[in-house]
Amino acid sequence: LTGLPVLHNPRMELTLLYESILRFITALPEDYVYRKTTESLVKERQKIVKENENLDVIEEKINQGQLGELVIQAQNELSLIELLAQEKPWDNLMEKAPPDQWTWPPYK
């Protein structure tokens, strides 16, 4: 891809990133929907990478872009997990949410 560095061993890089994601995501609560969804997706992708040595087959089966893009996606996921672990959006709000927070239109 134009503008992206050449990956010398993208399969290894994806494997390491997926392992890191699965290790760091344990910092999030088990019942947190993002954790459940991300674990499932990453385990599925990790399995595809482990079972296939052909890079074209990996791209085809994951079907979310070229290997360079998959590496960027995994890096971004890892950054997001770090941010979520710091910010803890699952904790209680600092103040009570307004009762009509989720109504539309917000004001009648």
PDB file of N, CA and C in Angstrom:
ATOM      1  N   LEU A   1       0.830  -1.179   0.000  1.00  0.00           N
ATOM      2  CA  LEU A   1       0.000   0.000   0.000  1.00  0.00           C
ATOM      3  C   LEU A   1       0.876   1.245   0.000  1.00  0.00           C
ATOM      4  N   THR A   2       0.475   2.215  -0.765  1.00  0.00           N
ATOM      5  CA  THR A   2       1.218   3.466  -0.852  1.00  0.00           C
ATOM      6  C   THR A   2       1.194   4.194   0.489  1.00  0.00           C
ATOM      7  N   GLY A   3       2.362   4.605   0.937  1.00  0.00           N
ATOM      8  CA  GLY A   3       2.449   5.380   2.172  1.00  0.00           C
ATOM      9  C   GLY A   3       2.639   4.554   3.430  1.00  0.00           C
ATOM     10  N   LEU A   4       2.471   3.254   3.328  1.00  0.00           N
ATOM     11  CA  LEU A   4       2.665   2.390   4.500  1.00  0.00           C
ATOM     12  C   LEU A   4       4.018   1.704   4.393  1.00  0.00           C
ATOM     13  N   PRO A   5       4.699   1.513   5.515  1.00  0.00           N
ATOM     14  CA  PRO A   5       5.988   0.815   5.458  1.00  0.00           C
ATOM     15  C   PRO A   5       5.799  -0.637   5.016  1.00  0.00           C
ATOM     16  N   VAL A   6       6.818  -1.165   4.355  1.00  0.00           N
ATOM     17  CA  VAL A   6       6.782  -2.553   3.907  1.00  0.00           C
ATOM     18  C   VAL A   6       6.896  -3.466   5.123  1.00  0.00           C
ATOM     19  N   LEU A   7       6.018  -4.439   5.196  1.00  0.00           N
ATOM     20  CA  LEU A   7       6.056  -5.410   6.294  1.00  0.00           C
ATOM     21  C   LEU A   7       6.884  -6.606   5.848  1.00  0.00           C
ATOM     22  N   HIS A   8       7.941  -6.896   6.580  1.00  0.00           N
ATOM     23  CA  HIS A   8       8.812  -7.997   6.194  1.00  0.00           C
ATOM     24  C   HIS A   8       8.248  -9.344   6.627  1.00  0.00           C
ATOM     25  N   ASN A   9       7.507  -9.363   7.717  1.00  0.00           N
ATOM     26  CA  ASN A   9       6.877 -10.601   8.173  1.00  0.00           C
ATOM     27  C   ASN A   9       5.509 -10.264   8.778  1.00  0.00           C
ATOM     28  N   PRO A  10       4.536  -9.948   7.927  1.00  0.00           N
ATOM     29  CA  PRO A  10       3.234  -9.507   8.438  1.00  0.00           C
ATOM     30  C   PRO A  10       2.504 -10.570   9.246  1.00  0.00           C
ATOM     31  N   ARG A  11       2.720 -11.812   8.908  1.00  0.00           N
ATOM     32  CA  ARG A  11       2.062 -12.900   9.647  1.00  0.00           C
ATOM     33  C   ARG A  11       2.542 -12.918  11.099  1.00  0.00           C
ATOM     34  N   MET A  12       3.834 -12.790  11.302  1.00  0.00           N
ATOM     35  CA  MET A  12       4.412 -12.748  12.646  1.00  0.00           C
ATOM     36  C   MET A  12       3.939 -11.500  13.386  1.00  0.00           C
ATOM     37  N   GLU A  13       3.912 -10.381  12.676  1.00  0.00           N
ATOM     38  CA  GLU A  13       3.491  -9.127  13.301  1.00  0.00           C
ATOM     39  C   GLU A  13       2.033  -9.209  13.762  1.00  0.00           C
ATOM     40  N   LEU A  14       1.170  -9.766  12.911  1.00  0.00           N
ATOM     41  CA  LEU A  14      -0.237  -9.929  13.295  1.00  0.00           C
ATOM     42  C   LEU A  14      -0.372 -10.873  14.482  1.00  0.00           C
ATOM     43  N   THR A  15       0.398 -11.951  14.463  1.00  0.00           N
ATOM     44  CA  THR A  15       0.352 -12.913  15.569  1.00  0.00           C
ATOM     45  C   THR A  15       0.711 -12.227  16.883  1.00  0.00           C
ATOM     46  N   LEU A  16       1.777 -11.449  16.883  1.00  0.00           N
ATOM     47  CA  LEU A  16       2.205 -10.753  18.103  1.00  0.00           C
ATOM     48  C   LEU A  16       1.173  -9.721  18.551  1.00  0.00           C
ATOM     49  N   LEU A  17       0.614  -8.990  17.599  1.00  0.00           N
ATOM     50  CA  LEU A  17      -0.399  -7.984  17.942  1.00  0.00           C
ATOM     51  C   LEU A  17      -1.652  -8.639  18.513  1.00  0.00           C
ATOM     52  N   TYR A  18      -2.103  -9.723  17.894  1.00  0.00           N
ATOM     53  CA  TYR A  18      -3.303 -10.403  18.391  1.00  0.00           C
ATOM     54  C   TYR A  18      -3.064 -10.979  19.787  1.00  0.00           C
ATOM     55  N   GLU A  19      -1.870 -11.517  20.029  1.00  0.00           N
ATOM     56  CA  GLU A  19      -1.543 -12.020  21.368  1.00  0.00           C
ATOM     57  C   GLU A  19      -1.550 -10.876  22.387  1.00  0.00           C
ATOM     58  N   SER A  20      -1.007  -9.735  22.004  1.00  0.00           N
ATOM     59  CA  SER A  20      -0.985  -8.572  22.902  1.00  0.00           C
ATOM     60  C   SER A  20      -2.391  -8.085  23.206  1.00  0.00           C
ATOM     61  N   ILE A  21      -3.223  -8.022  22.184  1.00  0.00           N
ATOM     62  CA  ILE A  21      -4.607  -7.584  22.386  1.00  0.00           C
ATOM     63  C   ILE A  21      -5.298  -8.500  23.385  1.00  0.00           C
ATOM     64  N   LEU A  22      -5.161  -9.809  23.185  1.00  0.00           N
ATOM     65  CA  LEU A  22      -5.836 -10.764  24.076  1.00  0.00           C
ATOM     66  C   LEU A  22      -5.276 -10.708  25.497  1.00  0.00           C
ATOM     67  N   ARG A  23      -4.016 -10.366  25.629  1.00  0.00           N
ATOM     68  CA  ARG A  23      -3.423 -10.247  26.959  1.00  0.00           C
ATOM     69  C   ARG A  23      -3.892  -8.963  27.657  1.00  0.00           C
ATOM     70  N   PHE A  24      -3.876  -7.851  26.952  1.00  0.00           N
ATOM     71  CA  PHE A  24      -4.214  -6.557  27.563  1.00  0.00           C
ATOM     72  C   PHE A  24      -5.708  -6.351  27.764  1.00  0.00           C
ATOM     73  N   ILE A  25      -6.522  -7.029  26.970  1.00  0.00           N
ATOM     74  CA  ILE A  25      -7.968  -6.814  27.090  1.00  0.00           C
ATOM     75  C   ILE A  25      -8.510  -7.399  28.395  1.00  0.00           C
ATOM     76  N   THR A  26      -7.715  -8.227  29.051  1.00  0.00           N
ATOM     77  CA  THR A  26      -8.145  -8.784  30.342  1.00  0.00           C
ATOM     78  C   THR A  26      -8.226  -7.709  31.425  1.00  0.00           C
ATOM     79  N   ALA A  27      -7.690  -6.516  31.143  1.00  0.00           N
ATOM     80  CA  ALA A  27      -7.804  -5.400  32.096  1.00  0.00           C
ATOM     81  C   ALA A  27      -9.220  -4.822  32.107  1.00  0.00           C
ATOM     82  N   LEU A  28     -10.020  -5.160  31.103  1.00  0.00           N
ATOM     83  CA  LEU A  28     -11.396  -4.670  31.027  1.00  0.00           C
ATOM     84  C   LEU A  28     -12.327  -5.675  31.697  1.00  0.00           C
ATOM     85  N   PRO A  29     -13.458  -5.228  32.211  1.00  0.00           N
ATOM     86  CA  PRO A  29     -14.391  -6.154  32.869  1.00  0.00           C
ATOM     87  C   PRO A  29     -14.869  -7.259  31.915  1.00  0.00           C
ATOM     88  N   GLU A  30     -15.037  -8.461  32.457  1.00  0.00           N
ATOM     89  CA  GLU A  30     -15.443  -9.603  31.635  1.00  0.00           C
ATOM     90  C   GLU A  30     -16.787  -9.402  30.957  1.00  0.00           C
ATOM     91  N   ASP A  31     -17.687  -8.671  31.598  1.00  0.00           N
ATOM     92  CA  ASP A  31     -19.019  -8.484  31.025  1.00  0.00           C
ATOM     93  C   ASP A  31     -19.119  -7.238  30.143  1.00  0.00           C
ATOM     94  N   TYR A  32     -18.029  -6.549  29.925  1.00  0.00           N
ATOM     95  CA  TYR A  32     -18.011  -5.349  29.092  1.00  0.00           C
ATOM     96  C   TYR A  32     -18.179  -5.784  27.635  1.00  0.00           C
ATOM     97  N   VAL A  33     -19.175  -5.257  26.951  1.00  0.00           N
ATOM     98  CA  VAL A  33     -19.519  -5.707  25.598  1.00  0.00           C
ATOM     99  C   VAL A  33     -18.343  -5.552  24.635  1.00  0.00           C
ATOM    100  N   TYR A  34     -17.622  -4.457  24.731  1.00  0.00           N
ATOM    101  CA  TYR A  34     -16.468  -4.257  23.851  1.00  0.00           C
ATOM    102  C   TYR A  34     -15.453  -5.391  24.037  1.00  0.00           C
ATOM    103  N   ARG A  35     -15.213  -5.786  25.279  1.00  0.00           N
ATOM    104  CA  ARG A  35     -14.250  -6.864  25.539  1.00  0.00           C
ATOM    105  C   ARG A  35     -14.723  -8.161  24.900  1.00  0.00           C
ATOM    106  N   LYS A  36     -15.981  -8.506  25.114  1.00  0.00           N
ATOM    107  CA  LYS A  36     -16.512  -9.757  24.557  1.00  0.00           C
ATOM    108  C   LYS A  36     -16.399  -9.776  23.033  1.00  0.00           C
ATOM    109  N   THR A  37     -16.815  -8.686  22.413  1.00  0.00           N
ATOM    110  CA  THR A  37     -16.812  -8.598  20.953  1.00  0.00           C
ATOM    111  C   THR A  37     -15.393  -8.638  20.402  1.00  0.00           C
ATOM    112  N   THR A  38     -14.507  -7.874  21.006  1.00  0.00           N
ATOM    113  CA  THR A  38     -13.132  -7.799  20.522  1.00  0.00           C
ATOM    114  C   THR A  38     -12.404  -9.120  20.723  1.00  0.00           C
ATOM    115  N   GLU A  39     -12.583  -9.752  21.869  1.00  0.00           N
ATOM    116  CA  GLU A  39     -11.953 -11.060  22.101  1.00  0.00           C
ATOM    117  C   GLU A  39     -12.389 -12.060  21.040  1.00  0.00           C
ATOM    118  N   SER A  40     -13.668 -12.091  20.767  1.00  0.00           N
ATOM    119  CA  SER A  40     -14.198 -13.023  19.778  1.00  0.00           C
ATOM    120  C   SER A  40     -13.602 -12.761  18.398  1.00  0.00           C
ATOM    121  N   LEU A  41     -13.592 -11.511  17.988  1.00  0.00           N
ATOM    122  CA  LEU A  41     -13.066 -11.136  16.678  1.00  0.00           C
ATOM    123  C   LEU A  41     -11.576 -11.447  16.568  1.00  0.00           C
ATOM    124  N   VAL A  42     -10.814 -11.089  17.584  1.00  0.00           N
ATOM    125  CA  VAL A  42      -9.363 -11.289  17.543  1.00  0.00           C
ATOM    126  C   VAL A  42      -9.020 -12.779  17.577  1.00  0.00           C
ATOM    127  N   LYS A  43      -9.734 -13.561  18.355  1.00  0.00           N
ATOM    128  CA  LYS A  43      -9.487 -15.008  18.381  1.00  0.00           C
ATOM    129  C   LYS A  43      -9.762 -15.634  17.017  1.00  0.00           C
ATOM    130  N   GLU A  44     -10.815 -15.167  16.364  1.00  0.00           N
ATOM    131  CA  GLU A  44     -11.144 -15.665  15.027  1.00  0.00           C
ATOM    132  C   GLU A  44     -10.034 -15.310  14.039  1.00  0.00           C
ATOM    133  N   ARG A  45      -9.579 -14.074  14.078  1.00  0.00           N
ATOM    134  CA  ARG A  45      -8.505 -13.645  13.176  1.00  0.00           C
ATOM    135  C   ARG A  45      -7.191 -14.346  13.504  1.00  0.00           C
ATOM    136  N   GLN A  46      -6.919 -14.519  14.785  1.00  0.00           N
ATOM    137  CA  GLN A  46      -5.697 -15.197  15.216  1.00  0.00           C
ATOM    138  C   GLN A  46      -5.669 -16.632  14.681  1.00  0.00           C
ATOM    139  N   LYS A  47      -6.802 -17.288  14.725  1.00  0.00           N
ATOM    140  CA  LYS A  47      -6.914 -18.665  14.222  1.00  0.00           C
ATOM    141  C   LYS A  47      -6.627 -18.710  12.718  1.00  0.00           C
ATOM    142  N   ILE A  48      -7.169 -17.754  11.984  1.00  0.00           N
ATOM    143  CA  ILE A  48      -6.933 -17.696  10.539  1.00  0.00           C
ATOM    144  C   ILE A  48      -5.448 -17.510  10.257  1.00  0.00           C
ATOM    145  N   VAL A  49      -4.797 -16.620  10.986  1.00  0.00           N
ATOM    146  CA  VAL A  49      -3.369 -16.354  10.779  1.00  0.00           C
ATOM    147  C   VAL A  49      -2.537 -17.589  11.125  1.00  0.00           C
ATOM    148  N   LYS A  50      -2.879 -18.282  12.208  1.00  0.00           N
ATOM    149  CA  LYS A  50      -2.120 -19.472  12.617  1.00  0.00           C
ATOM    150  C   LYS A  50      -2.274 -20.617  11.624  1.00  0.00           C
ATOM    151  N   GLU A  51      -3.480 -20.770  11.077  1.00  0.00           N
ATOM    152  CA  GLU A  51      -3.774 -21.918  10.215  1.00  0.00           C
ATOM    153  C   GLU A  51      -3.347 -21.724   8.762  1.00  0.00           C
ATOM    154  N   ASN A  52      -2.996 -20.513   8.366  1.00  0.00           N
ATOM    155  CA  ASN A  52      -2.680 -20.239   6.966  1.00  0.00           C
ATOM    156  C   ASN A  52      -1.347 -19.522   6.843  1.00  0.00           C
ATOM    157  N   GLU A  53      -0.445 -20.110   6.082  1.00  0.00           N
ATOM    158  CA  GLU A  53       0.846 -19.470   5.848  1.00  0.00           C
ATOM    159  C   GLU A  53       0.805 -18.559   4.633  1.00  0.00           C
ATOM    160  N   ASN A  54      -0.130 -18.817   3.721  1.00  0.00           N
ATOM    161  CA  ASN A  54      -0.263 -18.016   2.515  1.00  0.00           C
ATOM    162  C   ASN A  54      -0.904 -16.674   2.865  1.00  0.00           C
ATOM    163  N   LEU A  55      -0.177 -15.596   2.612  1.00  0.00           N
ATOM    164  CA  LEU A  55      -0.641 -14.260   2.990  1.00  0.00           C
ATOM    165  C   LEU A  55      -1.906 -13.848   2.246  1.00  0.00           C
ATOM    166  N   ASP A  56      -2.022 -14.260   0.983  1.00  0.00           N
ATOM    167  CA  ASP A  56      -3.229 -13.938   0.215  1.00  0.00           C
ATOM    168  C   ASP A  56      -4.458 -14.611   0.813  1.00  0.00           C
ATOM    169  N   VAL A  57      -4.288 -15.820   1.299  1.00  0.00           N
ATOM    170  CA  VAL A  57      -5.401 -16.550   1.924  1.00  0.00           C
ATOM    171  C   VAL A  57      -5.822 -15.846   3.217  1.00  0.00           C
ATOM    172  N   ILE A  58      -4.856 -15.379   3.990  1.00  0.00           N
ATOM    173  CA  ILE A  58      -5.163 -14.653   5.233  1.00  0.00           C
ATOM    174  C   ILE A  58      -5.988 -13.413   4.911  1.00  0.00           C
ATOM    175  N   GLU A  59      -5.538 -12.632   3.929  1.00  0.00           N
ATOM    176  CA  GLU A  59      -6.282 -11.429   3.531  1.00  0.00           C
ATOM    177  C   GLU A  59      -7.692 -11.778   3.088  1.00  0.00           C
ATOM    178  N   GLU A  60      -7.796 -12.830   2.288  1.00  0.00           N
ATOM    179  CA  GLU A  60      -9.104 -13.235   1.751  1.00  0.00           C
ATOM    180  C   GLU A  60     -10.051 -13.690   2.858  1.00  0.00           C
ATOM    181  N   LYS A  61      -9.551 -14.487   3.786  1.00  0.00           N
ATOM    182  CA  LYS A  61     -10.417 -15.024   4.844  1.00  0.00           C
ATOM    183  C   LYS A  61     -10.826 -13.958   5.857  1.00  0.00           C
ATOM    184  N   ILE A  62      -9.918 -13.068   6.215  1.00  0.00           N
ATOM    185  CA  ILE A  62     -10.270 -12.003   7.159  1.00  0.00           C
ATOM    186  C   ILE A  62     -11.147 -10.965   6.454  1.00  0.00           C
ATOM    187  N   ASN A  63     -10.834 -10.681   5.203  1.00  0.00           N
ATOM    188  CA  ASN A  63     -11.673  -9.834   4.347  1.00  0.00           C
ATOM    189  C   ASN A  63     -11.918  -8.436   4.929  1.00  0.00           C
ATOM    190  N   GLN A  64     -10.861  -7.842   5.483  1.00  0.00           N
ATOM    191  CA  GLN A  64     -10.974  -6.484   6.030  1.00  0.00           C
ATOM    192  C   GLN A  64      -9.824  -5.601   5.566  1.00  0.00           C
ATOM    193  N   GLY A  65      -9.263  -5.919   4.407  1.00  0.00           N
ATOM    194  CA  GLY A  65      -8.185  -5.107   3.864  1.00  0.00           C
ATOM    195  C   GLY A  65      -6.919  -5.922   3.668  1.00  0.00           C
ATOM    196  N   GLN A  66      -5.885  -5.233   3.216  1.00  0.00           N
ATOM    197  CA  GLN A  66      -4.598  -5.879   3.014  1.00  0.00           C
ATOM    198  C   GLN A  66      -3.883  -6.030   4.350  1.00  0.00           C
ATOM    199  N   LEU A  67      -2.826  -6.824   4.347  1.00  0.00           N
ATOM    200  CA  LEU A  67      -2.127  -7.131   5.603  1.00  0.00           C
ATOM    201  C   LEU A  67      -1.639  -5.876   6.324  1.00  0.00           C
ATOM    202  N   GLY A  68      -1.145  -4.908   5.580  1.00  0.00           N
ATOM    203  CA  GLY A  68      -0.706  -3.659   6.207  1.00  0.00           C
ATOM    204  C   GLY A  68      -1.846  -2.963   6.927  1.00  0.00           C
ATOM    205  N   GLU A  69      -3.029  -3.020   6.329  1.00  0.00           N
ATOM    206  CA  GLU A  69      -4.210  -2.421   6.958  1.00  0.00           C
ATOM    207  C   GLU A  69      -4.633  -3.217   8.191  1.00  0.00           C
ATOM    208  N   LEU A  70      -4.509  -4.532   8.127  1.00  0.00           N
ATOM    209  CA  LEU A  70      -4.852  -5.372   9.280  1.00  0.00           C
ATOM    210  C   LEU A  70      -3.922  -5.087  10.455  1.00  0.00           C
ATOM    211  N   VAL A  71      -2.653  -4.850  10.159  1.00  0.00           N
ATOM    212  CA  VAL A  71      -1.689  -4.513  11.213  1.00  0.00           C
ATOM    213  C   VAL A  71      -2.072  -3.174  11.846  1.00  0.00           C
ATOM    214  N   ILE A  72      -2.420  -2.198  11.028  1.00  0.00           N
ATOM    215  CA  ILE A  72      -2.833  -0.887  11.559  1.00  0.00           C
ATOM    216  C   ILE A  72      -4.094  -1.030  12.403  1.00  0.00           C
ATOM    217  N   GLN A  73      -5.054  -1.826  11.932  1.00  0.00           N
ATOM    218  CA  GLN A  73      -6.280  -2.057  12.704  1.00  0.00           C
ATOM    219  C   GLN A  73      -5.949  -2.647  14.073  1.00  0.00           C
ATOM    220  N   ALA A  74      -5.054  -3.629  14.088  1.00  0.00           N
ATOM    221  CA  ALA A  74      -4.686  -4.276  15.352  1.00  0.00           C
ATOM    222  C   ALA A  74      -3.950  -3.295  16.270  1.00  0.00           C
ATOM    223  N   GLN A  75      -3.077  -2.475  15.715  1.00  0.00           N
ATOM    224  CA  GLN A  75      -2.371  -1.469  16.521  1.00  0.00           C
ATOM    225  C   GLN A  75      -3.362  -0.470  17.117  1.00  0.00           C
ATOM    226  N   ASN A  76      -4.326  -0.060  16.307  1.00  0.00           N
ATOM    227  CA  ASN A  76      -5.349   0.872  16.796  1.00  0.00           C
ATOM    228  C   ASN A  76      -6.194   0.239  17.901  1.00  0.00           C
ATOM    229  N   GLU A  77      -6.504  -1.029  17.748  1.00  0.00           N
ATOM    230  CA  GLU A  77      -7.285  -1.737  18.766  1.00  0.00           C
ATOM    231  C   GLU A  77      -6.517  -1.776  20.084  1.00  0.00           C
ATOM    232  N   LEU A  78      -5.230  -2.042  19.995  1.00  0.00           N
ATOM    233  CA  LEU A  78      -4.381  -2.082  21.184  1.00  0.00           C
ATOM    234  C   LEU A  78      -4.345  -0.711  21.872  1.00  0.00           C
ATOM    235  N   SER A  79      -4.253   0.350  21.090  1.00  0.00           N
ATOM    236  CA  SER A  79      -4.274   1.709  21.655  1.00  0.00           C
ATOM    237  C   SER A  79      -5.604   2.003  22.329  1.00  0.00           C
ATOM    238  N   LEU A  80      -6.695   1.572  21.705  1.00  0.00           N
ATOM    239  CA  LEU A  80      -8.018   1.800  22.281  1.00  0.00           C
ATOM    240  C   LEU A  80      -8.176   1.043  23.599  1.00  0.00           C
ATOM    241  N   ILE A  81      -7.687  -0.177  23.653  1.00  0.00           N
ATOM    242  CA  ILE A  81      -7.775  -0.963  24.887  1.00  0.00           C
ATOM    243  C   ILE A  81      -7.021  -0.258  26.011  1.00  0.00           C
ATOM    244  N   GLU A  82      -5.855   0.278  25.695  1.00  0.00           N
ATOM    245  CA  GLU A  82      -5.072   1.015  26.694  1.00  0.00           C
ATOM    246  C   GLU A  82      -5.855   2.230  27.200  1.00  0.00           C
ATOM    247  N   LEU A  83      -6.478   2.960  26.288  1.00  0.00           N
ATOM    248  CA  LEU A  83      -7.266   4.132  26.663  1.00  0.00           C
ATOM    249  C   LEU A  83      -8.468   3.732  27.521  1.00  0.00           C
ATOM    250  N   LEU A  84      -9.169   2.684  27.123  1.00  0.00           N
ATOM    251  CA  LEU A  84     -10.328   2.230  27.891  1.00  0.00           C
ATOM    252  C   LEU A  84      -9.922   1.801  29.297  1.00  0.00           C
ATOM    253  N   ALA A  85      -8.784   1.113  29.408  1.00  0.00           N
ATOM    254  CA  ALA A  85      -8.317   0.669  30.720  1.00  0.00           C
ATOM    255  C   ALA A  85      -8.004   1.868  31.623  1.00  0.00           C
ATOM    256  N   GLN A  86      -7.528   2.961  31.030  1.00  0.00           N
ATOM    257  CA  GLN A  86      -7.239   4.173  31.808  1.00  0.00           C
ATOM    258  C   GLN A  86      -8.511   4.917  32.189  1.00  0.00           C
ATOM    259  N   GLU A  87      -9.402   5.089  31.235  1.00  0.00           N
ATOM    260  CA  GLU A  87     -10.583   5.933  31.430  1.00  0.00           C
ATOM    261  C   GLU A  87     -11.741   5.226  32.132  1.00  0.00           C
ATOM    262  N   LYS A  88     -11.796   3.918  32.046  1.00  0.00           N
ATOM    263  CA  LYS A  88     -12.831   3.101  32.699  1.00  0.00           C
ATOM    264  C   LYS A  88     -14.255   3.624  32.439  1.00  0.00           C
ATOM    265  N   PRO A  89     -14.680   3.633  31.182  1.00  0.00           N
ATOM    266  CA  PRO A  89     -16.009   4.164  30.871  1.00  0.00           C
ATOM    267  C   PRO A  89     -17.156   3.339  31.450  1.00  0.00           C
ATOM    268  N   TRP A  90     -16.869   2.175  31.982  1.00  0.00           N
ATOM    269  CA  TRP A  90     -17.904   1.334  32.580  1.00  0.00           C
ATOM    270  C   TRP A  90     -18.220   1.760  34.016  1.00  0.00           C
ATOM    271  N   ASP A  91     -17.366   2.598  34.602  1.00  0.00           N
ATOM    272  CA  ASP A  91     -17.621   3.071  35.967  1.00  0.00           C
ATOM    273  C   ASP A  91     -18.844   3.983  36.012  1.00  0.00           C
ATOM    274  N   ASN A  92     -19.338   4.219  37.213  1.00  0.00           N
ATOM    275  CA  ASN A  92     -20.477   5.120  37.390  1.00  0.00           C
ATOM    276  C   ASN A  92     -20.113   6.532  36.957  1.00  0.00           C
ATOM    277  N   LEU A  93     -21.124   7.269  36.516  1.00  0.00           N
ATOM    278  CA  LEU A  93     -20.918   8.659  36.126  1.00  0.00           C
ATOM    279  C   LEU A  93     -20.604   9.501  37.359  1.00  0.00           C
ATOM    280  N   MET A  94     -19.958  10.620  37.143  1.00  0.00           N
ATOM    281  CA  MET A  94     -19.642  11.519  38.253  1.00  0.00           C
ATOM    282  C   MET A  94     -20.904  12.175  38.804  1.00  0.00           C
ATOM    283  N   GLU A  95     -21.885  12.349  37.945  1.00  0.00           N
ATOM    284  CA  GLU A  95     -23.173  12.887  38.392  1.00  0.00           C
ATOM    285  C   GLU A  95     -24.281  12.106  37.691  1.00  0.00           C
ATOM    286  N   LYS A  96     -25.449  12.135  38.250  1.00  0.00           N
ATOM    287  CA  LYS A  96     -26.566  11.371  37.713  1.00  0.00           C
ATOM    288  C   LYS A  96     -26.952  11.901  36.327  1.00  0.00           C
ATOM    289  N   ALA A  97     -27.194  10.980  35.398  1.00  0.00           N
ATOM    290  CA  ALA A  97     -27.599  11.360  34.044  1.00  0.00           C
ATOM    291  C   ALA A  97     -29.035  11.880  34.061  1.00  0.00           C
ATOM    292  N   PRO A  98     -29.348  12.837  33.199  1.00  0.00           N
ATOM    293  CA  PRO A  98     -30.724  13.342  33.159  1.00  0.00           C
ATOM    294  C   PRO A  98     -31.688  12.224  32.738  1.00  0.00           C
ATOM    295  N   PRO A  99     -32.914  12.236  33.250  1.00  0.00           N
ATOM    296  CA  PRO A  99     -33.856  11.152  32.965  1.00  0.00           C
ATOM    297  C   PRO A  99     -34.224  11.036  31.486  1.00  0.00           C
ATOM    298  N   ASP A 100     -34.149  12.127  30.741  1.00  0.00           N
ATOM    299  CA  ASP A 100     -34.509  12.082  29.320  1.00  0.00           C
ATOM    300  C   ASP A 100     -33.282  12.001  28.405  1.00  0.00           C
ATOM    301  N   GLN A 101     -32.192  11.504  28.943  1.00  0.00           N
ATOM    302  CA  GLN A 101     -30.937  11.462  28.195  1.00  0.00           C
ATOM    303  C   GLN A 101     -31.084  10.732  26.859  1.00  0.00           C
ATOM    304  N   TRP A 102     -31.839   9.667  26.817  1.00  0.00           N
ATOM    305  CA  TRP A 102     -31.920   8.843  25.611  1.00  0.00           C
ATOM    306  C   TRP A 102     -33.218   9.040  24.832  1.00  0.00           C
ATOM    307  N   THR A 103     -33.959  10.091  25.107  1.00  0.00           N
ATOM    308  CA  THR A 103     -35.184  10.351  24.347  1.00  0.00           C
ATOM    309  C   THR A 103     -34.873  11.245  23.153  1.00  0.00           C
ATOM    310  N   TRP A 104     -35.680  11.096  22.125  1.00  0.00           N
ATOM    311  CA  TRP A 104     -35.483  11.914  20.930  1.00  0.00           C
ATOM    312  C   TRP A 104     -36.809  12.443  20.463  1.00  0.00           C
ATOM    313  N   PRO A 105     -36.952  13.673  20.109  1.00  0.00           N
ATOM    314  CA  PRO A 105     -35.936  14.715  20.248  1.00  0.00           C
ATOM    315  C   PRO A 105     -35.679  15.024  21.714  1.00  0.00           C
ATOM    316  N   PRO A 106     -34.503  15.554  22.022  1.00  0.00           N
ATOM    317  CA  PRO A 106     -34.135  15.754  23.425  1.00  0.00           C
ATOM    318  C   PRO A 106     -35.016  16.754  24.169  1.00  0.00           C
ATOM    319  N   TYR A 107     -35.524  17.722  23.448  1.00  0.00           N
ATOM    320  CA  TYR A 107     -36.388  18.716  24.101  1.00  0.00           C
ATOM    321  C   TYR A 107     -37.676  18.832  23.314  1.00  0.00           C
ATOM    322  N   LYS A 108     -38.781  18.835  24.032  1.00  0.00           N
ATOM    323  CA  LYS A 108     -40.081  18.929  23.352  1.00  0.00           C
ATOM    324  C   LYS A 108     -40.675  20.297  23.534  1.00  0.00           C
TER     325      LYS A 108
END
